[in-house]
Amino acid sequence: MTGMSEIAKNFEPQFEYAFSIALELTGLRWLNTSSTGMTRAAIYVSEGVIEGPGISGKVVPMSGGDWPLKRADGVLDFDARYLLEMDDGTTIYMQNKGYRWAHSEEIAEKMANGEDVDPSDYYMRVTPKFDAPDGEFDWMNRHVFLGVAEKIPGANRIHYFKVL
């Protein structure tokens, strides 16, 4: 009888690079820590660029942002929502959820101070969902994506891969 690990090998996901989004962020505001010991923030997307094979456009300025929750264990729990505008004028709603955490307290402090840190020093992954109209970009509505993100001072750069 075949073991579960052998069966799982047949279902290991494959990834295909889809696009990258570079986001400029502004207006960070932290709320006071709640009774749960967690802290909520708000930060807005001031602008952004989308580039990938067969896809390009921009993030609609000030169309949304991220409302991360800083958990007691130091993990940032993302909930970002904003609009994308493709070069042909198509508007797409995007929602991103994910996590960021540093591999050490020192790295966490540097990130909190807006300093540049190496992506190997932290974990930052997101899973987006899209609401695209019928047409050229409706494939985004039918796939699961994984985003591998870079935190750079005042911005994020996220590289998205379609799960095949």
Protein backbone atom coordinates (compact mmCIF):
# COMPACT_ATOMS: atom_id res chain seq x y z
CA MET A 1 0.00 0.00 0.00
CA THR A 2 1.27 3.46 -0.91
CA GLY A 3 1.95 5.76 2.04
CA MET A 4 0.45 9.21 2.36
CA SER A 5 3.82 10.89 1.76
CA GLU A 6 4.08 9.08 -1.59
CA ILE A 7 0.56 10.16 -2.53
CA ALA A 8 1.28 13.73 -1.46
CA LYS A 9 4.17 13.93 -3.92
CA ASN A 10 1.64 13.63 -6.74
CA PHE A 11 -0.18 16.71 -5.44
CA GLU A 12 2.76 18.98 -4.68
CA PRO A 13 1.83 22.42 -6.04
CA GLN A 14 3.63 24.00 -8.94
CA PHE A 15 4.06 27.77 -9.25
CA GLU A 16 4.19 30.14 -12.20
CA TYR A 17 5.36 33.75 -11.83
CA ALA A 18 2.40 36.06 -12.55
CA PHE A 19 3.45 39.64 -11.71
CA SER A 20 4.98 41.97 -9.14
CA ILE A 21 3.48 45.00 -7.43
CA ALA A 22 5.60 47.80 -5.96
CA LEU A 23 3.58 49.80 -3.42
CA GLU A 24 4.37 53.18 -1.91
CA LEU A 25 2.76 53.58 1.53
CA THR A 26 1.79 56.68 3.50
CA GLY A 27 -0.03 57.88 6.60
CA LEU A 28 0.84 55.13 9.09
CA ARG A 29 -1.29 55.42 12.24
CA TRP A 30 -1.19 53.04 15.20
CA LEU A 31 -4.21 52.68 17.46
CA ASN A 32 -3.76 52.11 21.18
CA THR A 33 -3.26 48.50 22.25
CA SER A 34 -6.60 46.78 22.78
CA SER A 35 -7.69 44.71 25.77
CA THR A 36 -6.53 41.62 23.83
CA GLY A 37 -2.93 42.87 23.90
CA MET A 38 -2.91 43.44 20.14
CA THR A 39 -2.43 46.70 18.26
CA ARG A 40 -4.16 47.71 15.02
CA ALA A 41 -2.68 50.11 12.46
CA ALA A 42 -3.77 51.75 9.23
CA ILE A 43 -1.51 52.63 6.33
CA TYR A 44 -2.63 53.82 2.92
CA VAL A 45 -1.43 53.03 -0.58
CA SER A 46 -0.32 56.30 -2.16
CA GLU A 47 0.77 54.74 -5.47
CA GLY A 48 2.10 51.59 -7.05
CA VAL A 49 3.13 49.81 -10.23
CA ILE A 50 2.19 46.35 -11.53
CA GLU A 51 4.49 44.53 -13.95
CA GLY A 52 4.61 40.98 -15.22
CA PRO A 53 4.41 38.81 -18.33
CA GLY A 54 1.46 40.19 -20.29
CA ILE A 55 0.23 42.40 -17.44
CA SER A 56 1.01 45.99 -16.49
CA GLY A 57 -0.72 48.82 -14.76
CA LYS A 58 -0.81 50.81 -11.57
CA VAL A 59 -2.34 50.84 -8.15
CA VAL A 60 -5.08 53.46 -7.99
CA PRO A 61 -3.69 56.12 -5.61
CA MET A 62 -5.41 56.28 -2.22
CA SER A 63 -7.92 53.57 -3.25
CA GLY A 64 -7.23 51.60 -0.10
CA GLY A 65 -4.58 50.39 2.24
CA ASP A 66 -3.64 47.87 4.88
CA TRP A 67 -5.05 47.46 8.39
CA PRO A 68 -2.46 45.19 9.99
CA LEU A 69 -2.92 43.72 13.43
CA LYS A 70 0.26 43.43 15.50
CA ARG A 71 -0.20 40.33 17.61
CA ALA A 72 1.29 39.79 21.07
CA ASP A 73 3.84 37.37 19.53
CA GLY A 74 5.15 40.12 17.21
CA VAL A 75 3.51 38.78 14.03
CA LEU A 76 1.88 41.36 11.76
CA ASP A 77 -1.41 39.97 10.41
CA PHE A 78 -2.16 41.84 7.15
CA ASP A 79 -5.54 42.76 5.71
CA ALA A 80 -4.97 45.01 2.69
CA ARG A 81 -7.52 46.11 0.09
CA TYR A 82 -7.05 48.43 -2.86
CA LEU A 83 -7.76 48.88 -6.57
CA LEU A 84 -5.57 48.06 -9.54
CA GLU A 85 -5.89 49.78 -12.91
CA MET A 86 -4.48 47.91 -15.86
CA ASP A 87 -2.96 49.77 -18.83
CA ASP A 88 -6.15 49.11 -20.85
CA GLY A 89 -8.26 50.87 -18.18
CA THR A 90 -9.65 47.72 -16.53
CA THR A 91 -10.16 48.22 -12.78
CA ILE A 92 -9.64 45.22 -10.46
CA TYR A 93 -10.34 44.94 -6.73
CA MET A 94 -7.60 43.21 -4.75
CA GLN A 95 -7.58 41.89 -1.19
CA ASN A 96 -4.36 40.62 0.40
CA LYS A 97 -4.05 38.70 3.64
CA GLY A 98 -0.84 37.41 5.13
CA TYR A 99 1.84 37.54 7.78
CA ARG A 100 5.16 39.21 8.49
CA TRP A 101 7.53 38.36 11.31
CA ALA A 102 11.22 38.93 11.93
CA HIS A 103 13.74 36.19 12.70
CA SER A 104 15.08 38.19 15.67
CA GLU A 105 14.19 41.07 17.99
CA GLU A 106 17.00 43.14 16.45
CA ILE A 107 15.54 42.74 12.94
CA ALA A 108 12.03 43.49 14.24
CA GLU A 109 13.33 46.73 15.77
CA LYS A 110 15.03 47.74 12.51
CA MET A 111 11.83 47.09 10.58
CA ALA A 112 9.79 49.07 13.13
CA ASN A 113 12.21 51.99 12.67
CA GLY A 114 11.82 51.87 8.88
CA GLU A 115 15.35 50.63 8.26
CA ASP A 116 16.27 48.47 5.29
CA VAL A 117 16.74 44.79 6.16
CA ASP A 118 17.61 41.75 4.09
CA PRO A 119 14.55 39.69 3.01
CA SER A 120 16.21 36.55 4.40
CA ASP A 121 15.88 38.09 7.89
CA TYR A 122 12.09 38.00 7.95
CA TYR A 123 9.05 36.09 6.69
CA MET A 124 6.48 38.06 4.66
CA ARG A 125 3.91 36.12 2.64
CA VAL A 126 0.45 37.04 1.38
CA THR A 127 -2.45 35.36 -0.36
CA PRO A 128 -4.49 37.68 -2.58
CA LYS A 129 -7.98 37.40 -4.01
CA PHE A 130 -9.18 39.41 -6.97
CA ASP A 131 -12.47 40.67 -8.32
CA ALA A 132 -11.80 41.29 -12.00
CA PRO A 133 -14.49 41.87 -14.62
CA ASP A 134 -15.07 39.42 -17.46
CA GLY A 135 -12.43 39.77 -20.13
CA GLU A 136 -8.65 39.78 -20.35
CA PHE A 137 -8.00 39.59 -16.60
CA ASP A 138 -10.76 37.23 -15.40
CA TRP A 139 -8.13 34.47 -15.02
CA MET A 140 -7.21 36.24 -11.78
CA ASN A 141 -10.62 35.24 -10.35
CA ARG A 142 -9.99 31.53 -10.94
CA HIS A 143 -6.56 30.92 -9.42
CA VAL A 144 -4.94 30.82 -6.03
CA PHE A 145 -1.85 33.02 -5.74
CA LEU A 146 1.02 33.20 -3.29
CA GLY A 147 2.86 36.49 -2.79
CA VAL A 148 6.41 36.65 -1.52
CA ALA A 149 7.02 40.16 -0.25
CA GLU A 150 9.90 42.50 0.43
CA LYS A 151 9.62 45.25 3.04
CA ILE A 152 11.58 48.28 2.00
CA PRO A 153 11.48 51.65 3.82
CA GLY A 154 8.11 53.29 3.07
CA ALA A 155 7.09 50.60 0.62
CA ASN A 156 6.43 46.94 -0.14
CA ARG A 157 7.36 44.96 -3.23
CA ILE A 158 5.35 41.76 -3.66
CA HIS A 159 6.07 39.03 -6.22
CA TYR A 160 2.99 36.92 -7.01
CA PHE A 161 2.98 33.33 -8.18
CA LYS A 162 -0.04 31.53 -9.60
CA VAL A 163 -0.56 28.10 -8.02
CA LEU A 164 -1.05 25.62 -10.88
